[in-house]
Amino acid sequence: MSTITTRGDDLATLRASVTGDVLLAGDAGYAEAASCYNLAIQHRPAVLVVAADTSDVAAAVRFATTNDHPIAIHATGHGVARPSDGGVLIVMSRLTGVQVDPVSRTARIEGGAKWAAVMPLATEHGLAPLVGSTTDVGAVGYTLGGGFGWLGRRYGLSSDAVRWFDLVTASGEELRASADENPEVFWALKGGGGGSLGVVTAMEIELFPVTEVYAGNLLYPAFMARDVIRRWRDWSARQDERLTSSFVLMNFPPLDEVPEPLRGQSFVMVRGCWSGDLDEGAAIIDEWREWRPPVMDMFGRMPFAMNDMISQDPPDPMPAMVSTEWFDELEDEAVEVLVRAGLPEPGRPPMLVMTEVRHAGGAVKRNAAGAANDRGRSGELLLEMVGIVVSPHAGLALEAHLRHTRKALAPFVTGATYLNFTEGEEKQHRTASAFSPHHLARLQAVKAVLDPDDVFCHGFAIPQG
């Protein structure tokens, strides 16, 4: 851990002014509060503040800046860019308040709340947030990175639905950012402000009238991967924006918690969510059933409250590596690269657990031009690759595999990054690629005003202008 020096009287003042907890290494609760969902990344802050309210956040920020400590922000431990090592880590996990207004179709969400707290309050009124593949992630952090979920092609990214943010800046000031109040800060936070411009303590988002969907997965044997992917490529391109879909190369690990029919097996999957008339959605998926019967059919009507059943992300923390690319079109040569990289070779275990390409376009792309992260959402097809780090040696092999795969895909991709599908060093190194030069300059200008000393250096890596 890096060494930092803190005046004892300042630490005593912090403890006295914070309602939540102030923890140092070795204190009870320190390790648990600092733990990440991705166990391959570990925070080792010198001072950890578990905030109970906005005043605690402001006090922690003032303490950090007084003592020249960098600040990292942590809610659920997903999507970490640069781990806190020797600085101040502000943990938002107790700021979990959620209030839904069914009349205005909005939800006010505090900075540490997960989507799991939002979903039941929204669906009670026939409304839905633009949640991602799992409700286990923090709503604010997900939204600051854009937030592409199963309603994305119809309604856009989660960041498009924000009405306002409440922000604590590097000076400890509390401000509101909206279209009418601090509009440039508001623009920057919607897709470009993940942990780099201040601490978002709350936001208000728009909710949408979605109750039931036709969604799920069709599983085909892995040997059909090339045929399924090429068919999905042509099929998805002609679908209405009410359908957000993907194909997935899935290698289920040989673990007891995996259902027996899937355990240790590889499949190519067609995945999606239709938010229009349910009979119409069923007819669209029937095109696949009529083409080839899947070995497992998990598509059907479901309440949108069961959104987690579509992607079935693992609920438990694990050590992982994630990488991403954007395509404007998926050429046959790129399909070949993905199949070779995503499925196991004979006699060898797979390097990746999942390789998924989502159909974007629609409102995701249509709203890109004015968004801060314009390049990071303007493609047609979004790739995510996920591998599990079972050991340090395996981690090195996985890192090389991801690097070689991205190199092989280089002639076919845009080079832009979707920031929510990167972590660690890759997120730091590739942050700038999510923004066009003009938007990056605007973002740098906002950063220069809000955080000229780069106190918030653990979030999106915004280069100095």
Protein backbone atom coordinates (compact mmCIF):
# COMPACT_ATOMS: atom_id res chain seq x y z
CA MET A 1 0.00 0.00 0.00
CA SER A 2 1.23 3.50 -0.83
CA THR A 3 2.16 5.63 2.17
CA ILE A 4 0.20 8.80 2.89
CA THR A 5 0.49 11.16 5.79
CA THR A 6 -2.56 12.35 7.68
CA ARG A 7 -2.51 14.79 10.56
CA GLY A 8 -4.01 13.15 13.63
CA ASP A 9 -6.15 16.15 14.44
CA ASP A 10 -7.65 16.08 10.94
CA LEU A 11 -8.51 12.39 11.33
CA ALA A 12 -10.06 13.07 14.72
CA THR A 13 -12.10 15.91 13.22
CA LEU A 14 -13.28 13.60 10.43
CA ARG A 15 -14.37 10.93 12.91
CA ALA A 16 -16.24 13.53 14.94
CA SER A 17 -18.05 14.98 11.93
CA VAL A 18 -19.07 11.73 10.22
CA THR A 19 -22.25 9.89 11.19
CA GLY A 20 -21.11 6.76 9.37
CA ASP A 21 -17.81 4.91 9.88
CA VAL A 22 -14.21 6.00 9.46
CA LEU A 23 -12.02 2.92 9.12
CA LEU A 24 -8.29 2.28 8.83
CA ALA A 25 -6.55 -0.90 7.73
CA GLY A 26 -7.00 -3.51 10.45
CA ASP A 27 -10.24 -2.07 11.77
CA ALA A 28 -13.27 -4.33 12.00
CA GLY A 29 -15.35 -3.94 8.83
CA TYR A 30 -12.52 -2.42 6.76
CA ALA A 31 -11.93 -5.43 4.51
CA GLU A 32 -15.63 -6.02 3.92
CA ALA A 33 -16.33 -2.37 3.08
CA ALA A 34 -13.37 -2.22 0.68
CA SER A 35 -14.17 -5.46 -1.15
CA CYS A 36 -15.13 -5.40 -4.84
CA TYR A 37 -17.55 -7.55 -6.80
CA ASN A 38 -14.64 -8.27 -9.13
CA LEU A 39 -12.26 -10.10 -6.80
CA ALA A 40 -9.39 -9.54 -9.24
CA ILE A 41 -9.39 -5.89 -8.09
CA GLN A 42 -8.71 -4.90 -4.51
CA HIS A 43 -8.95 -1.54 -2.74
CA ARG A 44 -6.33 -0.75 -0.07
CA PRO A 45 -7.24 2.76 1.06
CA ALA A 46 -5.42 4.47 3.90
CA VAL A 47 -8.72 5.91 5.11
CA LEU A 48 -12.13 4.43 4.34
CA VAL A 49 -15.30 6.42 4.98
CA VAL A 50 -18.61 4.54 4.95
CA ALA A 51 -20.91 7.51 4.42
CA ALA A 52 -24.34 7.60 6.02
CA ASP A 53 -25.51 10.76 4.23
CA THR A 54 -24.44 13.57 1.94
CA SER A 55 -22.84 15.49 4.80
CA ASP A 56 -20.54 12.52 5.43
CA VAL A 57 -19.54 12.53 1.77
CA ALA A 58 -18.73 16.24 1.88
CA ALA A 59 -16.73 15.81 5.10
CA ALA A 60 -14.72 12.96 3.56
CA VAL A 61 -13.98 15.03 0.46
CA ARG A 62 -12.83 18.02 2.53
CA PHE A 63 -10.62 15.75 4.65
CA ALA A 64 -9.03 14.23 1.54
CA THR A 65 -8.33 17.55 -0.15
CA THR A 66 -6.95 19.10 3.05
CA ASN A 67 -4.48 16.24 3.33
CA ASP A 68 -3.72 15.98 -0.42
CA HIS A 69 -5.19 12.49 -0.69
CA PRO A 70 -6.73 11.12 -3.89
CA ILE A 71 -10.38 10.06 -3.66
CA ALA A 72 -12.01 6.89 -4.95
CA ILE A 73 -15.75 6.21 -4.85
CA HIS A 74 -17.21 2.79 -4.18
CA ALA A 75 -20.81 1.60 -4.08
CA THR A 76 -21.26 -2.01 -5.15
CA GLY A 77 -17.75 -2.76 -6.38
CA HIS A 78 -18.66 -3.22 -10.05
CA GLY A 79 -16.71 -1.48 -12.79
CA VAL A 80 -13.65 -0.34 -10.83
CA ALA A 81 -11.17 1.68 -12.88
CA ARG A 82 -8.20 2.42 -10.65
CA PRO A 83 -8.23 0.76 -7.21
CA SER A 84 -7.71 2.96 -4.18
CA ASP A 85 -4.20 2.41 -2.89
CA GLY A 86 -3.26 4.66 -0.02
CA GLY A 87 -5.89 7.34 -0.60
CA VAL A 88 -9.40 7.94 0.71
CA LEU A 89 -12.16 5.56 -0.33
CA ILE A 90 -15.72 6.83 0.06
CA VAL A 91 -18.14 3.91 0.33
CA MET A 92 -21.72 4.76 -0.67
CA SER A 93 -23.37 1.48 0.27
CA ARG A 94 -25.55 3.01 3.01
CA LEU A 95 -27.05 5.70 0.78
CA THR A 96 -29.78 3.43 -0.52
CA GLY A 97 -32.92 5.55 -0.47
CA VAL A 98 -35.33 5.23 -3.42
CA GLN A 99 -38.57 7.14 -3.98
CA VAL A 100 -40.87 6.64 -6.96
CA ASP A 101 -43.39 9.25 -8.12
CA PRO A 102 -45.93 7.47 -10.36
CA VAL A 103 -47.51 10.75 -11.45
CA SER A 104 -44.33 12.27 -12.87
CA ARG A 105 -42.99 8.78 -13.75
CA THR A 106 -39.71 9.44 -12.00
CA ALA A 107 -37.53 7.85 -9.36
CA ARG A 108 -35.13 9.57 -6.96
CA ILE A 109 -32.22 7.22 -6.26
CA GLU A 110 -29.41 7.73 -3.76
CA GLY A 111 -25.80 7.11 -4.71
CA GLY A 112 -25.42 3.64 -3.22
CA ALA A 113 -28.77 2.10 -4.17
CA LYS A 114 -28.86 -0.94 -6.41
CA TRP A 115 -31.39 -1.37 -9.18
CA ALA A 116 -32.86 -4.18 -7.06
CA ALA A 117 -34.23 -1.49 -4.73
CA VAL A 118 -35.67 0.51 -7.62
CA MET A 119 -37.34 -2.23 -9.64
CA PRO A 120 -40.16 -3.31 -7.27
CA LEU A 121 -41.13 0.27 -6.44
CA ALA A 122 -41.33 1.11 -10.15
CA THR A 123 -43.11 -2.05 -11.32
CA GLU A 124 -45.73 -1.58 -8.60
CA HIS A 125 -46.95 1.34 -10.73
CA GLY A 126 -46.51 -0.33 -14.13
CA LEU A 127 -43.22 1.47 -14.74
CA ALA A 128 -39.64 0.39 -15.42
CA PRO A 129 -36.16 1.91 -15.17
CA LEU A 130 -33.60 1.46 -17.92
CA VAL A 131 -31.82 -1.20 -15.91
CA GLY A 132 -28.99 -3.30 -17.31
CA SER A 133 -28.39 -7.05 -17.34
CA THR A 134 -28.58 -7.35 -13.55
CA THR A 135 -30.29 -5.44 -10.75
CA ASP A 136 -27.32 -6.21 -8.48
CA VAL A 137 -25.30 -3.21 -9.73
CA GLY A 138 -25.44 0.32 -8.37
CA ALA A 139 -27.91 2.47 -10.28
CA VAL A 140 -25.82 5.65 -10.18
CA GLY A 141 -22.49 4.12 -11.20
CA TYR A 142 -24.15 2.20 -14.02
CA THR A 143 -25.81 5.38 -15.27
CA LEU A 144 -22.66 7.52 -15.12
CA GLY A 145 -21.05 5.07 -17.54
CA GLY A 146 -24.03 5.19 -19.92
CA GLY A 147 -26.05 2.13 -18.99
CA PHE A 148 -27.14 -0.13 -21.89
CA GLY A 149 -29.93 -2.50 -20.89
CA TRP A 150 -32.67 -4.60 -22.43
CA LEU A 151 -34.87 -1.59 -23.23
CA GLY A 152 -31.94 0.28 -24.79
CA ARG A 153 -32.86 0.25 -28.46
CA ARG A 154 -36.32 1.59 -27.66
CA TYR A 155 -35.56 4.19 -24.97
CA GLY A 156 -31.78 4.75 -25.04
CA LEU A 157 -29.18 4.47 -22.33
CA SER A 158 -29.90 4.98 -18.66
CA SER A 159 -27.99 8.27 -18.82
CA ASP A 160 -30.56 9.59 -21.30
CA ALA A 161 -33.29 9.20 -18.67
CA VAL A 162 -31.64 11.34 -15.97
CA ARG A 163 -33.47 14.50 -14.87
CA TRP A 164 -30.83 15.73 -12.41
CA PHE A 165 -27.79 14.74 -10.36
CA ASP A 166 -26.77 15.92 -6.89
CA LEU A 167 -22.97 16.21 -6.79
CA VAL A 168 -20.32 16.84 -4.14
CA THR A 169 -17.35 18.49 -5.86
CA ALA A 170 -13.65 18.43 -4.98
CA SER A 171 -14.10 21.57 -2.87
CA GLY A 172 -16.77 19.87 -0.77
CA GLU A 173 -19.48 21.99 -2.38
CA GLU A 174 -22.88 20.43 -3.01
CA LEU A 175 -24.54 21.31 -6.29
CA ARG A 176 -27.37 20.14 -8.49
CA ALA A 177 -26.78 19.52 -12.18
CA SER A 178 -29.69 19.46 -14.61
CA ALA A 179 -30.60 20.77 -18.04
CA ASP A 180 -31.38 24.15 -16.42
CA GLU A 181 -28.88 24.25 -13.54
CA ASN A 182 -25.17 23.71 -14.18
CA PRO A 183 -26.05 22.29 -17.60
CA GLU A 184 -22.45 21.66 -18.71
CA VAL A 185 -21.80 19.58 -15.60
CA PHE A 186 -25.06 17.71 -16.26
CA TRP A 187 -23.96 16.97 -19.81
CA ALA A 188 -20.56 15.71 -18.64
CA LEU A 189 -21.98 13.42 -15.97
CA LYS A 190 -24.33 11.67 -18.41
CA GLY A 191 -21.84 9.14 -19.73
CA GLY A 192 -18.55 10.87 -18.89
CA GLY A 193 -18.51 11.43 -15.16
CA GLY A 194 -17.97 8.06 -13.52
CA GLY A 195 -15.96 8.87 -10.40
CA SER A 196 -13.93 11.57 -12.13
CA LEU A 197 -15.87 14.81 -11.54
CA GLY A 198 -17.14 14.40 -7.97
CA VAL A 199 -19.38 12.20 -5.88
CA VAL A 200 -22.95 11.77 -7.11
CA THR A 201 -25.07 11.40 -3.99
CA ALA A 202 -28.46 11.13 -5.73
CA MET A 203 -30.15 11.34 -9.11
CA GLU A 204 -33.65 11.53 -10.50
CA ILE A 205 -34.51 9.43 -13.54
CA GLU A 206 -37.44 9.01 -15.85
CA LEU A 207 -39.37 5.71 -15.73
CA PHE A 208 -41.08 4.03 -18.68
CA PRO A 209 -44.42 2.23 -19.13
CA VAL A 210 -43.16 -1.35 -19.47
CA THR A 211 -44.72 -4.15 -17.44
CA GLU A 212 -44.49 -7.41 -19.39
CA VAL A 213 -41.96 -8.42 -22.03
CA TYR A 214 -41.27 -11.41 -24.27
CA ALA A 215 -37.72 -12.31 -23.39
CA GLY A 216 -35.19 -15.01 -22.70
CA ASN A 217 -32.69 -17.26 -24.47
CA LEU A 218 -32.60 -19.89 -27.18
CA LEU A 219 -29.70 -22.34 -26.79
CA TYR A 220 -28.16 -24.05 -29.81
CA PRO A 221 -25.21 -26.47 -29.83
CA ALA A 222 -21.80 -24.84 -30.08
CA PHE A 223 -21.01 -26.48 -33.45
CA MET A 224 -23.76 -24.30 -34.97
CA ALA A 225 -22.10 -21.08 -33.81
CA ARG A 226 -21.14 -19.70 -37.21
CA ASP A 227 -24.56 -20.38 -38.74
CA VAL A 228 -26.43 -18.93 -35.76
CA ILE A 229 -24.30 -15.79 -35.62
CA ARG A 230 -24.59 -15.06 -39.32
CA ARG A 231 -28.34 -15.61 -39.18
CA TRP A 232 -28.67 -13.40 -36.08
CA ARG A 233 -26.64 -10.69 -37.80
CA ASP A 234 -29.10 -10.52 -40.71
CA TRP A 235 -32.22 -11.13 -38.58
CA SER A 236 -31.44 -8.49 -35.93
CA ALA A 237 -30.71 -5.80 -38.52
CA ARG A 238 -34.34 -5.80 -39.66
CA GLN A 239 -35.97 -5.82 -36.22
CA ASP A 240 -38.07 -3.08 -34.67
CA GLU A 241 -36.50 -0.97 -31.91
CA ARG A 242 -38.81 -2.63 -29.41
CA LEU A 243 -36.43 -5.60 -29.59
CA THR A 244 -32.97 -5.48 -28.05
CA SER A 245 -31.15 -8.72 -28.76
CA SER A 246 -27.74 -10.38 -28.75
CA PHE A 247 -25.92 -13.57 -29.55
CA VAL A 248 -23.81 -15.22 -26.89
CA LEU A 249 -21.05 -17.79 -26.96
CA MET A 250 -21.42 -19.31 -23.51
CA ASN A 251 -19.11 -21.77 -21.81
CA PHE A 252 -20.86 -22.82 -18.61
CA PRO A 253 -18.29 -23.70 -15.94
CA PRO A 254 -18.33 -27.20 -14.40
CA LEU A 255 -19.64 -25.95 -11.05
CA ASP A 256 -22.33 -27.45 -8.86
CA GLU A 257 -24.40 -24.25 -8.89
CA VAL A 258 -24.78 -24.53 -12.69
CA PRO A 259 -27.84 -26.65 -13.64
CA GLU A 260 -26.92 -30.17 -14.74
CA PRO A 261 -27.99 -29.82 -18.42
CA LEU A 262 -25.68 -26.81 -18.79
CA ARG A 263 -22.80 -27.70 -16.49
CA GLY A 264 -19.48 -27.75 -18.31
CA GLN A 265 -21.17 -27.37 -21.71
CA SER A 266 -20.77 -24.77 -24.48
CA PHE A 267 -23.60 -23.21 -26.46
CA VAL A 268 -24.38 -20.44 -28.89
CA MET A 269 -27.38 -18.50 -27.64
CA VAL A 270 -29.85 -16.03 -29.08
CA ARG A 271 -30.88 -13.66 -26.30
CA GLY A 272 -33.28 -10.74 -26.24
CA CYS A 273 -36.13 -8.71 -24.85
CA TRP A 274 -39.19 -7.54 -26.79
CA SER A 275 -41.16 -4.74 -25.09
CA GLY A 276 -44.07 -4.44 -27.52
CA ASP A 277 -47.19 -6.56 -28.09
CA LEU A 278 -46.36 -9.96 -26.64
CA ASP A 279 -47.93 -12.02 -29.41
CA GLU A 280 -45.95 -10.03 -31.94
CA GLY A 281 -42.78 -10.71 -29.96
CA ALA A 282 -43.54 -14.43 -29.83
CA ALA A 283 -43.97 -14.48 -33.61
CA ILE A 284 -40.57 -12.85 -34.08
CA ILE A 285 -38.85 -15.48 -31.94
CA ASP A 286 -40.84 -18.23 -33.67
CA GLU A 287 -38.76 -17.46 -36.75
CA TRP A 288 -35.85 -19.07 -34.91
CA ARG A 289 -37.84 -22.04 -33.71
CA GLU A 290 -39.01 -22.71 -37.26
CA TRP A 291 -35.48 -22.35 -38.61
CA ARG A 292 -33.91 -24.84 -36.19
CA PRO A 293 -35.40 -26.16 -32.94
CA PRO A 294 -33.13 -25.04 -30.08
CA VAL A 295 -31.80 -27.61 -27.65
CA MET A 296 -33.23 -25.43 -24.88
CA ASP A 297 -35.95 -22.79 -25.25
CA MET A 298 -36.05 -20.25 -22.42
CA PHE A 299 -37.95 -17.50 -24.26
CA GLY A 300 -41.40 -16.52 -23.09
CA ARG A 301 -43.63 -13.92 -21.48
CA MET A 302 -42.31 -12.52 -18.24
CA PRO A 303 -42.83 -9.52 -15.98
CA PHE A 304 -40.08 -6.99 -16.63
CA ALA A 305 -39.42 -7.20 -12.88
CA MET A 306 -37.76 -10.55 -13.73
CA ASN A 307 -35.26 -8.79 -16.00
CA ASP A 308 -32.35 -10.60 -14.28
CA MET A 309 -33.53 -13.88 -15.84
CA ILE A 310 -32.55 -12.70 -19.31
CA SER A 311 -28.78 -12.41 -18.83
CA GLN A 312 -28.60 -14.52 -15.65
CA ASP A 313 -25.46 -12.77 -14.44
CA PRO A 314 -23.79 -14.56 -11.50
CA PRO A 315 -24.82 -12.99 -8.18
CA ASP A 316 -21.67 -13.85 -6.25
CA PRO A 317 -18.35 -11.94 -6.45
CA MET A 318 -15.64 -13.54 -8.57
CA PRO A 319 -12.28 -12.57 -10.09
CA ALA A 320 -12.79 -11.60 -13.73
CA MET A 321 -11.41 -9.72 -16.71
CA VAL A 322 -13.68 -7.87 -19.13
CA SER A 323 -13.04 -6.27 -22.50
CA THR A 324 -15.12 -4.66 -25.22
CA GLU A 325 -15.27 -3.34 -28.78
CA TRP A 326 -17.82 -1.68 -31.07
CA PHE A 327 -18.70 -2.80 -34.61
CA ASP A 328 -20.59 -0.89 -37.26
CA GLU A 329 -21.12 -4.19 -39.06
CA LEU A 330 -20.13 -7.78 -38.33
CA GLU A 331 -18.15 -9.20 -41.22
CA ASP A 332 -17.62 -12.93 -41.71
CA GLU A 333 -13.93 -12.59 -40.84
CA ALA A 334 -14.87 -11.01 -37.51
CA VAL A 335 -17.36 -13.80 -36.85
CA GLU A 336 -14.54 -16.29 -37.31
CA VAL A 337 -12.32 -14.44 -34.83
CA LEU A 338 -15.10 -14.38 -32.25
CA VAL A 339 -15.92 -18.07 -32.60
CA ARG A 340 -12.28 -19.12 -32.34
CA ALA A 341 -11.71 -16.88 -29.34
CA GLY A 342 -14.98 -17.60 -27.58
CA LEU A 343 -15.31 -21.39 -27.81
CA PRO A 344 -12.88 -23.98 -26.42
CA GLU A 345 -10.41 -25.77 -28.63
CA PRO A 346 -10.60 -29.58 -28.57
CA GLY A 347 -9.04 -30.92 -25.41
CA ARG A 348 -8.56 -27.50 -23.82
CA PRO A 349 -10.72 -25.55 -21.37
CA PRO A 350 -12.24 -22.32 -22.68
CA MET A 351 -10.44 -19.04 -22.04
CA LEU A 352 -13.66 -17.03 -21.92
CA VAL A 353 -16.85 -17.73 -20.04
CA MET A 354 -18.91 -15.45 -22.25
CA THR A 355 -18.61 -13.63 -25.56
CA GLU A 356 -21.68 -11.50 -26.27
CA VAL A 357 -22.53 -9.12 -29.10
CA ARG A 358 -25.55 -6.88 -28.48
CA HIS A 359 -27.52 -5.14 -31.16
CA ALA A 360 -27.44 -1.43 -30.36
CA GLY A 361 -28.41 1.20 -32.91
CA GLY A 362 -31.94 2.49 -32.30
CA ALA A 363 -32.19 5.07 -29.53
CA VAL A 364 -28.71 4.17 -28.29
CA LYS A 365 -27.15 5.44 -31.49
CA ARG A 366 -29.79 8.08 -32.27
CA ASN A 367 -29.06 9.90 -29.00
CA ALA A 368 -25.28 9.62 -29.33
CA ALA A 369 -24.44 12.87 -31.10
CA GLY A 370 -25.36 15.08 -28.15
CA ALA A 371 -24.10 12.74 -25.43
CA ALA A 372 -20.75 13.17 -23.71
CA ASN A 373 -19.71 9.60 -24.58
CA ASP A 374 -20.70 9.97 -28.22
CA ARG A 375 -18.13 7.54 -29.69
CA GLY A 376 -18.79 5.05 -26.91
CA ARG A 377 -22.42 4.54 -27.97
CA SER A 378 -22.58 5.26 -31.69
CA GLY A 379 -21.83 1.80 -33.06
CA GLU A 380 -24.37 -0.76 -34.20
CA LEU A 381 -23.04 -3.81 -32.36
CA LEU A 382 -21.41 -3.99 -28.94
CA LEU A 383 -19.03 -6.77 -27.93
CA GLU A 384 -18.38 -7.87 -24.35
CA MET A 385 -15.87 -10.61 -23.50
CA VAL A 386 -15.65 -12.02 -19.96
CA GLY A 387 -13.15 -14.45 -18.50
CA ILE A 388 -12.60 -15.75 -14.97
CA VAL A 389 -9.20 -15.39 -13.29
CA VAL A 390 -8.84 -18.72 -11.48
CA SER A 391 -5.15 -18.18 -10.65
CA PRO A 392 -2.37 -15.61 -11.31
CA HIS A 393 -1.02 -17.78 -14.14
CA ALA A 394 -4.48 -18.11 -15.67
CA GLY A 395 -4.90 -14.34 -15.34
CA LEU A 396 -1.81 -13.71 -17.46
CA ALA A 397 -3.03 -16.16 -20.09
CA LEU A 398 -6.49 -14.56 -20.12
CA GLU A 399 -5.04 -11.07 -20.44
CA ALA A 400 -2.99 -12.21 -23.43
CA HIS A 401 -6.02 -13.92 -24.97
CA LEU A 402 -8.13 -10.76 -24.71
CA ARG A 403 -5.30 -8.65 -26.12
CA HIS A 404 -4.73 -10.99 -29.07
CA THR A 405 -8.46 -11.20 -29.78
CA ARG A 406 -8.82 -7.43 -29.84
CA LYS A 407 -5.79 -7.20 -32.12
CA ALA A 408 -7.35 -9.72 -34.52
CA LEU A 409 -10.60 -7.71 -34.47
CA ALA A 410 -8.87 -4.37 -35.04
CA PRO A 411 -9.63 -4.18 -38.81
CA PHE A 412 -13.36 -4.64 -38.11
CA VAL A 413 -14.07 -2.43 -35.08
CA THR A 414 -14.47 1.30 -34.49
CA GLY A 415 -11.84 1.46 -31.73
CA ALA A 416 -14.28 3.15 -29.33
CA THR A 417 -14.92 1.90 -25.81
CA TYR A 418 -18.16 1.30 -23.95
CA LEU A 419 -16.94 2.24 -20.51
CA ASN A 420 -19.23 -0.04 -18.50
CA PHE A 421 -17.68 -3.08 -20.17
CA THR A 422 -14.11 -2.34 -19.07
CA GLU A 423 -12.36 -2.48 -15.73
CA GLY A 424 -8.94 -1.82 -14.24
CA GLU A 425 -6.08 -0.73 -16.45
CA GLU A 426 -8.03 -1.17 -19.68
CA LYS A 427 -10.69 1.26 -18.45
CA GLN A 428 -7.98 3.80 -17.63
CA HIS A 429 -6.11 3.41 -20.90
CA ARG A 430 -9.17 3.43 -23.14
CA THR A 431 -11.40 6.02 -21.47
CA ALA A 432 -10.60 8.75 -23.99
CA SER A 433 -11.74 6.58 -26.90
CA ALA A 434 -15.35 6.86 -25.69
CA PHE A 435 -15.37 10.55 -26.65
CA SER A 436 -14.94 12.45 -29.90
CA PRO A 437 -12.14 15.07 -29.77
CA HIS A 438 -14.66 17.92 -29.37
CA HIS A 439 -16.54 16.15 -26.57
CA LEU A 440 -13.31 15.17 -24.84
CA ALA A 441 -12.27 18.83 -24.85
CA ARG A 442 -15.63 19.82 -23.33
CA LEU A 443 -15.23 17.13 -20.69
CA GLN A 444 -11.71 18.32 -19.91
CA ALA A 445 -13.02 21.85 -19.47
CA VAL A 446 -15.62 20.66 -16.94
CA LYS A 447 -12.97 18.62 -15.14
CA ALA A 448 -10.66 21.64 -14.98
CA VAL A 449 -13.36 23.68 -13.22
CA LEU A 450 -14.69 21.02 -10.86
CA ASP A 451 -11.47 19.16 -10.05
CA PRO A 452 -8.39 21.09 -11.24
CA ASP A 453 -6.04 19.08 -9.02
CA ASP A 454 -7.40 15.72 -10.21
CA VAL A 455 -8.39 14.62 -6.71
CA PHE A 456 -10.92 12.26 -8.32
CA CYS A 457 -8.27 10.31 -10.23
CA HIS A 458 -9.73 6.83 -9.64
CA GLY A 459 -12.68 7.09 -12.01
CA PHE A 460 -12.75 7.63 -15.76
CA ALA A 461 -9.25 8.68 -16.79
CA ILE A 462 -9.88 12.09 -18.32
CA PRO A 463 -6.55 13.40 -19.68
CA GLN A 464 -5.65 16.93 -18.77
CA GLY A 465 -6.33 19.42 -21.53
